[in-house]
């Protein structure tokens, strides 16, 4: 007798099916590989990016527990002028924005439990439940077996008046059916 919980039925779609989420208004500034911040300080930004992807997937009623492998492309749109009002035409290294794309992808996976370490009276430590991550269960997981990407591309500028931090467009393409 198996102790594993039964798998929920997976939704299988025709390979080549495409969903486009966006352009989504960036909730916070883009996260960059060049930022060397503290993980605890970044946590609220991570949650905002995950929440943006989750909300967009919910709004478009995307399927759940997709039985296909997918490719995920994230197009990054910077504001047309910088914070000082100067034209924003600088070249950018698209790979620096992988952290933003990764957190968007995480928002398309099922919520996961969070734990925190507490100090016990008399010494020692213990992990205790501390809520869960934000997520929409489009994908079973974000491991390579299920996902090709995220692939980051830089696209056209967007008006700062409408998109103060810029915007992202997530394109999800169904690939082969998983066995």
N, C-alpha and C. Protein backbone atom coordinates (compact mmCIF):
# COMPACT_ATOMS: atom_id res chain seq x y z
N UNK A 1 0.84 -1.18 0.00
CA UNK A 1 0.00 0.00 0.00
C UNK A 1 0.89 1.24 0.00
N UNK A 2 0.59 2.18 -0.88
CA UNK A 2 1.38 3.40 -1.02
C UNK A 2 0.99 4.43 0.03
N UNK A 3 2.00 5.13 0.53
CA UNK A 3 1.72 6.19 1.50
C UNK A 3 1.65 7.55 0.82
N UNK A 4 1.90 7.57 -0.48
CA UNK A 4 1.85 8.84 -1.22
C UNK A 4 0.41 9.27 -1.44
N UNK A 5 0.18 10.57 -1.36
CA UNK A 5 -1.15 11.11 -1.64
C UNK A 5 -1.43 10.94 -3.14
N UNK A 6 -2.67 10.68 -3.52
CA UNK A 6 -2.97 10.54 -4.94
C UNK A 6 -2.73 11.84 -5.68
N UNK A 7 -2.19 11.73 -6.89
CA UNK A 7 -1.94 12.91 -7.72
C UNK A 7 -3.26 13.47 -8.24
N UNK A 8 -3.39 14.78 -8.21
CA UNK A 8 -4.56 15.42 -8.80
C UNK A 8 -4.48 15.24 -10.32
N UNK A 9 -5.62 15.09 -10.99
CA UNK A 9 -5.55 14.95 -12.43
C UNK A 9 -4.92 16.20 -13.05
N UNK A 10 -4.09 15.98 -14.06
CA UNK A 10 -3.42 17.09 -14.72
C UNK A 10 -4.22 17.54 -15.93
N UNK A 11 -4.13 18.84 -16.20
CA UNK A 11 -4.77 19.41 -17.38
C UNK A 11 -3.78 19.35 -18.53
N UNK A 12 -4.16 18.71 -19.62
CA UNK A 12 -3.30 18.61 -20.79
C UNK A 12 -3.88 19.50 -21.88
N UNK A 13 -3.03 20.33 -22.50
CA UNK A 13 -3.47 21.20 -23.58
C UNK A 13 -2.67 20.87 -24.84
N UNK A 14 -3.15 21.34 -25.96
CA UNK A 14 -2.47 21.13 -27.24
C UNK A 14 -1.10 21.81 -27.22
N UNK A 15 -0.01 21.07 -27.56
CA UNK A 15 1.29 21.74 -27.66
C UNK A 15 1.19 22.92 -28.62
N UNK A 16 1.81 24.02 -28.25
CA UNK A 16 1.74 25.24 -29.05
C UNK A 16 0.73 26.25 -28.50
N UNK A 17 -0.09 25.83 -27.53
CA UNK A 17 -1.03 26.75 -26.89
C UNK A 17 -0.22 27.84 -26.18
N UNK A 18 -0.65 29.08 -26.35
CA UNK A 18 0.08 30.22 -25.79
C UNK A 18 -0.84 31.05 -24.91
N UNK A 19 -0.33 31.45 -23.75
CA UNK A 19 -1.02 32.39 -22.87
C UNK A 19 -0.10 33.59 -22.71
N UNK A 20 -0.67 34.78 -22.78
CA UNK A 20 0.10 36.01 -22.59
C UNK A 20 -0.48 36.78 -21.41
N UNK A 21 0.35 36.99 -20.41
CA UNK A 21 -0.06 37.74 -19.22
C UNK A 21 0.62 39.11 -19.28
N UNK A 22 -0.17 40.12 -19.51
CA UNK A 22 0.42 41.46 -19.50
C UNK A 22 0.10 42.26 -20.72
N UNK A 23 0.70 43.47 -20.77
CA UNK A 23 1.76 43.90 -19.87
C UNK A 23 1.24 44.13 -18.45
N UNK A 24 2.01 43.62 -17.49
CA UNK A 24 1.68 43.78 -16.07
C UNK A 24 2.49 44.94 -15.51
N UNK A 25 1.83 45.81 -14.84
CA UNK A 25 2.51 46.94 -14.20
C UNK A 25 3.46 46.40 -13.13
N UNK A 26 4.71 46.81 -13.18
CA UNK A 26 5.70 46.36 -12.19
C UNK A 26 5.29 46.90 -10.82
N UNK A 27 5.08 46.01 -9.84
CA UNK A 27 4.63 46.48 -8.53
C UNK A 27 5.73 47.18 -7.73
N UNK A 28 6.96 46.82 -8.02
CA UNK A 28 8.14 47.37 -7.34
C UNK A 28 9.26 47.45 -8.39
N UNK A 29 10.39 48.09 -8.08
CA UNK A 29 11.47 48.12 -9.07
C UNK A 29 11.93 46.71 -9.45
N UNK A 30 12.47 46.59 -10.66
CA UNK A 30 12.98 45.30 -11.11
C UNK A 30 14.10 44.83 -10.20
N UNK A 31 14.14 43.54 -9.94
CA UNK A 31 15.24 42.97 -9.15
C UNK A 31 16.35 42.60 -10.13
N UNK A 32 17.59 42.88 -9.76
CA UNK A 32 18.71 42.68 -10.65
C UNK A 32 19.78 41.83 -9.99
N UNK A 33 20.55 41.11 -10.81
CA UNK A 33 21.69 40.34 -10.30
C UNK A 33 22.74 41.28 -9.71
N UNK A 34 22.72 42.54 -10.10
CA UNK A 34 23.69 43.51 -9.59
C UNK A 34 23.35 43.98 -8.17
N UNK A 35 22.11 43.75 -7.74
CA UNK A 35 21.72 44.13 -6.39
C UNK A 35 22.26 43.10 -5.41
N UNK A 36 22.93 43.54 -4.41
CA UNK A 36 23.51 42.62 -3.42
C UNK A 36 22.80 42.85 -2.08
N UNK A 37 21.49 42.72 -2.09
CA UNK A 37 20.71 43.03 -0.90
C UNK A 37 20.61 41.88 0.07
N UNK A 38 20.08 42.17 1.21
CA UNK A 38 19.81 41.19 2.25
C UNK A 38 18.53 40.44 1.90
N UNK A 39 18.54 39.11 2.01
CA UNK A 39 17.37 38.30 1.63
C UNK A 39 16.12 38.72 2.40
N UNK A 40 16.29 39.05 3.67
CA UNK A 40 15.12 39.45 4.47
C UNK A 40 14.56 40.78 3.99
N UNK A 41 15.44 41.67 3.54
CA UNK A 41 14.98 42.96 3.03
C UNK A 41 14.31 42.79 1.67
N UNK A 42 14.75 41.80 0.89
CA UNK A 42 14.17 41.56 -0.43
C UNK A 42 12.83 40.83 -0.38
N UNK A 43 12.55 40.16 0.72
CA UNK A 43 11.35 39.31 0.81
C UNK A 43 10.06 40.02 0.42
N UNK A 44 9.82 41.27 0.86
CA UNK A 44 8.58 41.93 0.43
C UNK A 44 8.52 42.15 -1.09
N UNK A 45 9.67 42.44 -1.71
CA UNK A 45 9.69 42.62 -3.16
C UNK A 45 9.42 41.28 -3.86
N UNK A 46 10.00 40.21 -3.35
CA UNK A 46 9.78 38.88 -3.92
C UNK A 46 8.29 38.55 -3.87
N UNK A 47 7.68 38.81 -2.74
CA UNK A 47 6.24 38.54 -2.58
C UNK A 47 5.41 39.35 -3.57
N UNK A 48 5.79 40.61 -3.80
CA UNK A 48 5.06 41.45 -4.76
C UNK A 48 5.14 40.87 -6.18
N UNK A 49 6.34 40.43 -6.59
CA UNK A 49 6.48 39.84 -7.94
C UNK A 49 5.69 38.55 -8.06
N UNK A 50 5.78 37.69 -7.05
CA UNK A 50 5.01 36.43 -7.08
C UNK A 50 3.52 36.72 -7.13
N UNK A 51 3.09 37.68 -6.33
CA UNK A 51 1.67 38.04 -6.29
C UNK A 51 1.18 38.57 -7.63
N UNK A 52 2.02 39.34 -8.33
CA UNK A 52 1.64 39.89 -9.64
C UNK A 52 1.37 38.77 -10.64
N UNK A 53 2.26 37.78 -10.68
CA UNK A 53 2.07 36.65 -11.61
C UNK A 53 0.86 35.82 -11.22
N UNK A 54 0.70 35.58 -9.93
CA UNK A 54 -0.43 34.79 -9.43
C UNK A 54 -1.75 35.48 -9.77
N UNK A 55 -1.84 36.77 -9.53
CA UNK A 55 -3.08 37.51 -9.80
C UNK A 55 -3.40 37.52 -11.29
N UNK A 56 -2.39 37.68 -12.14
CA UNK A 56 -2.62 37.68 -13.59
C UNK A 56 -3.11 36.31 -14.06
N UNK A 57 -2.54 35.24 -13.53
CA UNK A 57 -2.97 33.89 -13.90
C UNK A 57 -4.41 33.63 -13.47
N UNK A 58 -4.75 34.08 -12.27
CA UNK A 58 -6.12 33.93 -11.77
C UNK A 58 -7.11 34.72 -12.63
N UNK A 59 -6.73 35.95 -12.95
CA UNK A 59 -7.60 36.83 -13.73
C UNK A 59 -7.90 36.23 -15.11
N UNK A 60 -6.91 35.56 -15.71
CA UNK A 60 -7.11 34.97 -17.03
C UNK A 60 -7.61 33.52 -16.96
N UNK A 61 -7.89 33.03 -15.76
CA UNK A 61 -8.42 31.68 -15.56
C UNK A 61 -7.55 30.62 -16.25
N UNK A 62 -6.24 30.70 -16.03
CA UNK A 62 -5.35 29.71 -16.61
C UNK A 62 -5.63 28.34 -16.00
N UNK A 63 -5.31 27.27 -16.73
CA UNK A 63 -5.56 25.93 -16.17
C UNK A 63 -4.69 25.68 -14.94
N UNK A 64 -5.03 24.64 -14.21
CA UNK A 64 -4.26 24.26 -13.02
C UNK A 64 -3.61 22.91 -13.26
N UNK A 65 -2.46 22.70 -12.61
CA UNK A 65 -1.74 21.44 -12.70
C UNK A 65 -1.55 21.00 -14.15
N UNK A 66 -0.91 21.87 -14.92
CA UNK A 66 -0.70 21.63 -16.34
C UNK A 66 0.13 20.37 -16.54
N UNK A 67 -0.32 19.51 -17.44
CA UNK A 67 0.36 18.25 -17.74
C UNK A 67 1.32 18.38 -18.90
N UNK A 68 1.61 19.59 -19.31
CA UNK A 68 2.57 19.84 -20.40
C UNK A 68 3.82 20.50 -19.82
N UNK A 69 4.94 20.27 -20.50
CA UNK A 69 6.12 21.08 -20.23
C UNK A 69 5.85 22.44 -20.87
N UNK A 70 6.37 23.51 -20.33
CA UNK A 70 6.12 24.85 -20.89
C UNK A 70 7.42 25.62 -21.07
N UNK A 71 7.37 26.60 -21.94
CA UNK A 71 8.44 27.58 -22.06
C UNK A 71 7.88 28.88 -21.51
N UNK A 72 8.67 29.57 -20.68
CA UNK A 72 8.24 30.83 -20.10
C UNK A 72 9.21 31.92 -20.54
N UNK A 73 8.67 32.94 -21.23
CA UNK A 73 9.45 34.11 -21.64
C UNK A 73 8.94 35.30 -20.84
N UNK A 74 9.86 36.10 -20.34
CA UNK A 74 9.50 37.30 -19.59
C UNK A 74 10.09 38.50 -20.33
N UNK A 75 9.21 39.33 -20.88
CA UNK A 75 9.65 40.55 -21.56
C UNK A 75 9.64 41.69 -20.53
N UNK A 76 10.77 42.36 -20.42
CA UNK A 76 10.92 43.46 -19.47
C UNK A 76 10.80 44.78 -20.25
N UNK A 77 9.91 45.64 -19.80
CA UNK A 77 9.68 46.95 -20.42
C UNK A 77 10.06 48.03 -19.41
N UNK A 78 11.11 48.79 -19.71
CA UNK A 78 11.53 49.86 -18.80
C UNK A 78 10.73 51.13 -19.07
N UNK A 79 10.62 52.02 -18.08
CA UNK A 79 9.93 53.30 -18.30
C UNK A 79 10.70 54.14 -19.33
N UNK A 80 9.97 54.98 -20.06
CA UNK A 80 10.58 55.79 -21.12
C UNK A 80 11.49 56.90 -20.59
N UNK A 81 11.29 57.32 -19.35
CA UNK A 81 12.17 58.31 -18.73
C UNK A 81 12.56 57.79 -17.35
N UNK A 82 13.74 58.19 -16.87
CA UNK A 82 14.15 57.74 -15.55
C UNK A 82 13.48 58.60 -14.47
N UNK A 83 13.82 58.34 -13.23
CA UNK A 83 13.19 59.05 -12.10
C UNK A 83 13.43 60.55 -12.13
N UNK A 84 14.50 60.98 -12.82
CA UNK A 84 14.80 62.41 -12.92
C UNK A 84 14.23 63.04 -14.18
N UNK A 85 13.47 62.28 -14.97
CA UNK A 85 12.85 62.83 -16.17
C UNK A 85 13.73 62.78 -17.41
N UNK A 86 14.90 62.12 -17.34
CA UNK A 86 15.78 62.03 -18.50
C UNK A 86 15.38 60.84 -19.37
N UNK A 87 15.55 60.94 -20.70
CA UNK A 87 15.22 59.81 -21.57
C UNK A 87 15.95 58.54 -21.13
N UNK A 88 15.27 57.43 -21.21
CA UNK A 88 15.79 56.15 -20.71
C UNK A 88 16.16 55.27 -21.88
N UNK A 89 17.28 55.51 -22.52
CA UNK A 89 17.66 54.74 -23.69
C UNK A 89 18.90 53.90 -23.51
N UNK A 90 19.29 53.63 -22.30
CA UNK A 90 20.55 52.92 -22.08
C UNK A 90 20.43 51.43 -22.42
N UNK A 91 21.56 50.86 -22.84
CA UNK A 91 21.61 49.42 -23.09
C UNK A 91 21.62 48.70 -21.75
N UNK A 92 20.96 47.55 -21.72
CA UNK A 92 20.90 46.78 -20.49
C UNK A 92 21.24 45.32 -20.78
N UNK A 93 21.80 44.66 -19.79
CA UNK A 93 22.13 43.25 -19.88
C UNK A 93 20.91 42.46 -19.39
N UNK A 94 20.23 41.80 -20.30
CA UNK A 94 18.98 41.11 -19.95
C UNK A 94 19.14 40.07 -18.86
N UNK A 95 20.31 39.45 -18.78
CA UNK A 95 20.52 38.41 -17.77
C UNK A 95 20.50 38.95 -16.35
N UNK A 96 20.75 40.24 -16.19
CA UNK A 96 20.70 40.83 -14.86
C UNK A 96 19.31 40.80 -14.25
N UNK A 97 18.28 40.66 -15.08
CA UNK A 97 16.90 40.72 -14.59
C UNK A 97 16.30 39.34 -14.38
N UNK A 98 17.16 38.32 -14.35
CA UNK A 98 16.71 36.97 -14.08
C UNK A 98 16.00 36.84 -12.73
N UNK A 99 16.47 37.50 -11.66
CA UNK A 99 15.75 37.36 -10.38
C UNK A 99 14.27 37.76 -10.49
N UNK A 100 13.97 38.82 -11.22
CA UNK A 100 12.58 39.22 -11.39
C UNK A 100 11.81 38.11 -12.10
N UNK A 101 12.39 37.59 -13.20
CA UNK A 101 11.72 36.53 -13.97
C UNK A 101 11.52 35.28 -13.12
N UNK A 102 12.49 34.93 -12.30
CA UNK A 102 12.39 33.75 -11.45
C UNK A 102 11.25 33.89 -10.45
N UNK A 103 11.10 35.06 -9.86
CA UNK A 103 10.03 35.25 -8.88
C UNK A 103 8.66 35.26 -9.57
N UNK A 104 8.60 35.77 -10.80
CA UNK A 104 7.35 35.69 -11.56
C UNK A 104 7.00 34.22 -11.83
N UNK A 105 7.99 33.44 -12.23
CA UNK A 105 7.77 32.01 -12.47
C UNK A 105 7.32 31.31 -11.19
N UNK A 106 7.94 31.64 -10.06
CA UNK A 106 7.54 31.05 -8.78
C UNK A 106 6.08 31.34 -8.46
N UNK A 107 5.58 32.49 -8.91
CA UNK A 107 4.18 32.84 -8.68
C UNK A 107 3.21 31.98 -9.49
N UNK A 108 3.73 31.18 -10.43
CA UNK A 108 2.90 30.30 -11.25
C UNK A 108 2.97 28.85 -10.78
N UNK A 109 3.57 28.62 -9.61
CA UNK A 109 3.65 27.28 -9.02
C UNK A 109 2.81 27.25 -7.75
N UNK A 110 2.44 26.06 -7.29
CA UNK A 110 1.59 25.99 -6.08
C UNK A 110 2.26 26.66 -4.88
N UNK A 111 1.44 27.22 -3.98
CA UNK A 111 2.00 27.80 -2.76
C UNK A 111 2.76 26.73 -1.97
N UNK A 112 3.82 27.13 -1.32
CA UNK A 112 4.63 26.21 -0.53
C UNK A 112 4.67 26.70 0.92
N UNK A 113 4.71 25.76 1.86
CA UNK A 113 4.75 26.19 3.27
C UNK A 113 6.07 26.87 3.61
N UNK A 114 5.98 27.88 4.47
CA UNK A 114 7.16 28.57 4.98
C UNK A 114 7.38 28.15 6.43
N UNK A 115 8.63 28.16 6.85
CA UNK A 115 8.93 27.88 8.24
C UNK A 115 9.82 28.98 8.78
N UNK A 116 9.84 29.10 10.08
CA UNK A 116 10.76 30.02 10.73
C UNK A 116 11.39 29.29 11.90
N UNK A 117 12.60 29.66 12.22
CA UNK A 117 13.33 29.04 13.32
C UNK A 117 13.09 29.86 14.58
N UNK A 118 12.69 29.17 15.64
CA UNK A 118 12.49 29.85 16.92
C UNK A 118 13.46 29.29 17.96
N UNK A 119 13.80 30.12 18.92
CA UNK A 119 14.65 29.69 20.03
C UNK A 119 13.77 29.03 21.08
N UNK A 120 14.20 27.88 21.55
CA UNK A 120 13.46 27.17 22.59
C UNK A 120 13.95 27.59 23.97
N UNK A 121 13.04 27.61 24.96
CA UNK A 121 13.49 27.90 26.33
C UNK A 121 14.50 26.83 26.76
N UNK A 122 15.58 27.25 27.33
CA UNK A 122 16.61 26.29 27.76
C UNK A 122 17.62 25.99 26.67
N UNK A 123 17.52 26.67 25.54
CA UNK A 123 18.49 26.46 24.46
C UNK A 123 17.91 25.60 23.34
N UNK A 124 18.55 25.62 22.24
CA UNK A 124 18.10 24.86 21.08
C UNK A 124 17.19 25.68 20.18
N UNK A 125 16.95 25.14 19.03
CA UNK A 125 16.11 25.82 18.05
C UNK A 125 15.15 24.81 17.44
N UNK A 126 14.04 25.33 16.89
CA UNK A 126 13.07 24.46 16.24
C UNK A 126 12.40 25.22 15.10
N UNK A 127 12.11 24.51 14.00
CA UNK A 127 11.38 25.11 12.89
C UNK A 127 9.88 24.99 13.16
N UNK A 128 9.14 26.07 12.91
CA UNK A 128 7.69 26.07 13.09
C UNK A 128 7.04 26.65 11.84
N UNK A 129 5.80 26.26 11.57
CA UNK A 129 5.11 26.81 10.39
C UNK A 129 5.00 28.33 10.49
N UNK A 130 5.13 28.99 9.31
CA UNK A 130 5.05 30.46 9.29
C UNK A 130 4.30 30.94 8.05
N UNK A 131 3.23 30.27 7.71
CA UNK A 131 2.45 30.69 6.55
C UNK A 131 2.87 29.96 5.29
N UNK A 132 2.60 30.58 4.15
CA UNK A 132 2.98 29.96 2.88
C UNK A 132 3.29 31.03 1.84
N UNK A 133 3.99 30.60 0.79
CA UNK A 133 4.31 31.51 -0.29
C UNK A 133 3.06 31.79 -1.11
N UNK A 134 3.11 32.81 -1.94
CA UNK A 134 2.02 33.13 -2.84
C UNK A 134 2.23 32.31 -4.11
N UNK A 135 1.17 31.75 -4.66
CA UNK A 135 1.34 31.01 -5.90
C UNK A 135 0.03 30.58 -6.52
N UNK A 136 0.06 30.40 -7.84
CA UNK A 136 -1.07 29.88 -8.61
C UNK A 136 -0.60 28.55 -9.19
N UNK A 137 -1.34 27.48 -9.02
CA UNK A 137 -0.84 26.16 -9.41
C UNK A 137 -0.97 25.85 -10.91
N UNK A 138 -0.52 26.76 -11.77
CA UNK A 138 -0.49 26.46 -13.21
C UNK A 138 0.49 25.32 -13.46
N UNK A 139 1.67 25.45 -12.90
CA UNK A 139 2.73 24.45 -13.08
C UNK A 139 2.83 23.57 -11.85
N UNK A 140 3.25 22.35 -12.05
CA UNK A 140 3.43 21.43 -10.93
C UNK A 140 4.64 21.87 -10.12
N UNK A 141 5.69 22.29 -10.82
CA UNK A 141 6.93 22.71 -10.20
C UNK A 141 7.68 23.56 -11.23
N UNK A 142 8.74 24.25 -10.79
CA UNK A 142 9.51 25.05 -11.74
C UNK A 142 10.85 24.41 -12.08
N UNK A 143 10.97 23.11 -11.83
CA UNK A 143 12.19 22.38 -12.19
C UNK A 143 12.29 22.25 -13.71
N UNK A 144 13.50 21.99 -14.21
CA UNK A 144 13.74 21.88 -15.66
C UNK A 144 12.85 20.86 -16.34
N UNK A 145 12.43 19.82 -15.64
CA UNK A 145 11.57 18.79 -16.21
C UNK A 145 10.24 19.40 -16.69
N UNK A 146 9.78 20.44 -16.02
CA UNK A 146 8.48 21.05 -16.30
C UNK A 146 8.57 22.36 -17.08
N UNK A 147 9.71 23.05 -16.97
CA UNK A 147 9.79 24.41 -17.52
C UNK A 147 11.08 24.62 -18.29
N UNK A 148 10.95 25.24 -19.46
CA UNK A 148 12.09 25.75 -20.21
C UNK A 148 12.10 27.25 -19.96
N UNK A 149 13.05 27.73 -19.19
CA UNK A 149 13.10 29.16 -18.89
C UNK A 149 13.13 29.39 -17.39
N UNK A 150 12.91 30.59 -16.98
CA UNK A 150 12.42 31.73 -17.74
C UNK A 150 13.51 32.35 -18.62
N UNK A 151 13.09 32.76 -19.80
CA UNK A 151 13.96 33.45 -20.73
C UNK A 151 13.61 34.93 -20.65
N UNK A 152 14.61 35.76 -20.37
CA UNK A 152 14.38 37.20 -20.21
C UNK A 152 14.74 37.90 -21.51
N UNK A 153 13.84 38.77 -21.97
CA UNK A 153 14.10 39.62 -23.13
C UNK A 153 13.75 41.06 -22.76
N UNK A 154 14.49 42.01 -23.34
CA UNK A 154 14.21 43.42 -23.11
C UNK A 154 13.39 43.91 -24.29
N UNK A 155 12.28 44.56 -24.03
CA UNK A 155 11.39 45.03 -25.08
C UNK A 155 11.25 46.55 -25.03
N UNK A 156 10.29 47.07 -25.80
CA UNK A 156 10.10 48.51 -25.94
C UNK A 156 9.82 49.19 -24.60
N UNK A 157 10.15 50.47 -24.57
CA UNK A 157 9.91 51.28 -23.37
C UNK A 157 8.41 51.53 -23.21
N UNK A 158 7.99 51.77 -21.97
CA UNK A 158 6.59 52.09 -21.68
C UNK A 158 6.54 53.45 -21.01
N UNK A 159 5.39 54.15 -21.10
CA UNK A 159 5.30 55.49 -20.49
C UNK A 159 5.39 55.43 -18.95
N UNK A 160 6.29 56.22 -18.40
CA UNK A 160 6.48 56.25 -16.94
C UNK A 160 5.21 56.69 -16.23
N UNK A 161 4.43 57.56 -16.84
CA UNK A 161 3.19 58.03 -16.22
C UNK A 161 2.26 56.85 -15.92
N UNK A 162 2.19 55.91 -16.83
CA UNK A 162 1.31 54.75 -16.68
C UNK A 162 2.00 53.61 -15.93
N UNK A 163 3.31 53.46 -16.13
CA UNK A 163 4.07 52.36 -15.53
C UNK A 163 5.30 52.94 -14.81
N UNK A 164 5.15 53.43 -13.59
CA UNK A 164 6.26 54.10 -12.89
C UNK A 164 7.53 53.24 -12.76
N UNK A 165 7.38 51.95 -12.53
CA UNK A 165 8.54 51.07 -12.40
C UNK A 165 8.77 50.25 -13.67
N UNK A 166 7.96 50.45 -14.70
CA UNK A 166 8.06 49.65 -15.91
C UNK A 166 6.97 48.59 -15.93
N UNK A 167 7.14 47.61 -16.80
CA UNK A 167 6.14 46.55 -16.94
C UNK A 167 6.83 45.26 -17.37
N UNK A 168 6.10 44.16 -17.24
CA UNK A 168 6.57 42.86 -17.72
C UNK A 168 5.43 42.20 -18.49
N UNK A 169 5.79 41.40 -19.46
CA UNK A 169 4.83 40.57 -20.17
C UNK A 169 5.34 39.14 -20.08
N UNK A 170 4.50 38.25 -19.56
CA UNK A 170 4.87 36.84 -19.41
C UNK A 170 4.18 36.06 -20.52
N UNK A 171 4.95 35.34 -21.31
CA UNK A 171 4.41 34.49 -22.37
C UNK A 171 4.69 33.05 -22.00
N UNK A 172 3.64 32.26 -21.91
CA UNK A 172 3.74 30.85 -21.54
C UNK A 172 3.31 30.03 -22.75
N UNK A 173 4.18 29.17 -23.22
CA UNK A 173 3.90 28.33 -24.39
C UNK A 173 3.92 26.86 -23.96
N UNK A 174 2.83 26.14 -24.22
CA UNK A 174 2.77 24.72 -23.89
C UNK A 174 3.65 23.95 -24.88
N UNK A 175 4.48 23.08 -24.35
CA UNK A 175 5.34 22.24 -25.18
C UNK A 175 4.79 20.82 -25.14
N UNK A 176 5.66 19.83 -25.10
CA UNK A 176 5.22 18.44 -25.14
C UNK A 176 4.46 18.04 -23.88
N UNK A 177 3.62 17.02 -24.01
CA UNK A 177 2.87 16.49 -22.89
C UNK A 177 3.83 15.67 -22.03
N UNK A 178 3.76 15.85 -20.71
CA UNK A 178 4.61 15.09 -19.78
C UNK A 178 4.09 13.68 -19.64
N UNK A 179 4.98 12.78 -19.51
CA UNK A 179 4.60 11.36 -19.33
C UNK A 179 4.70 10.99 -17.88
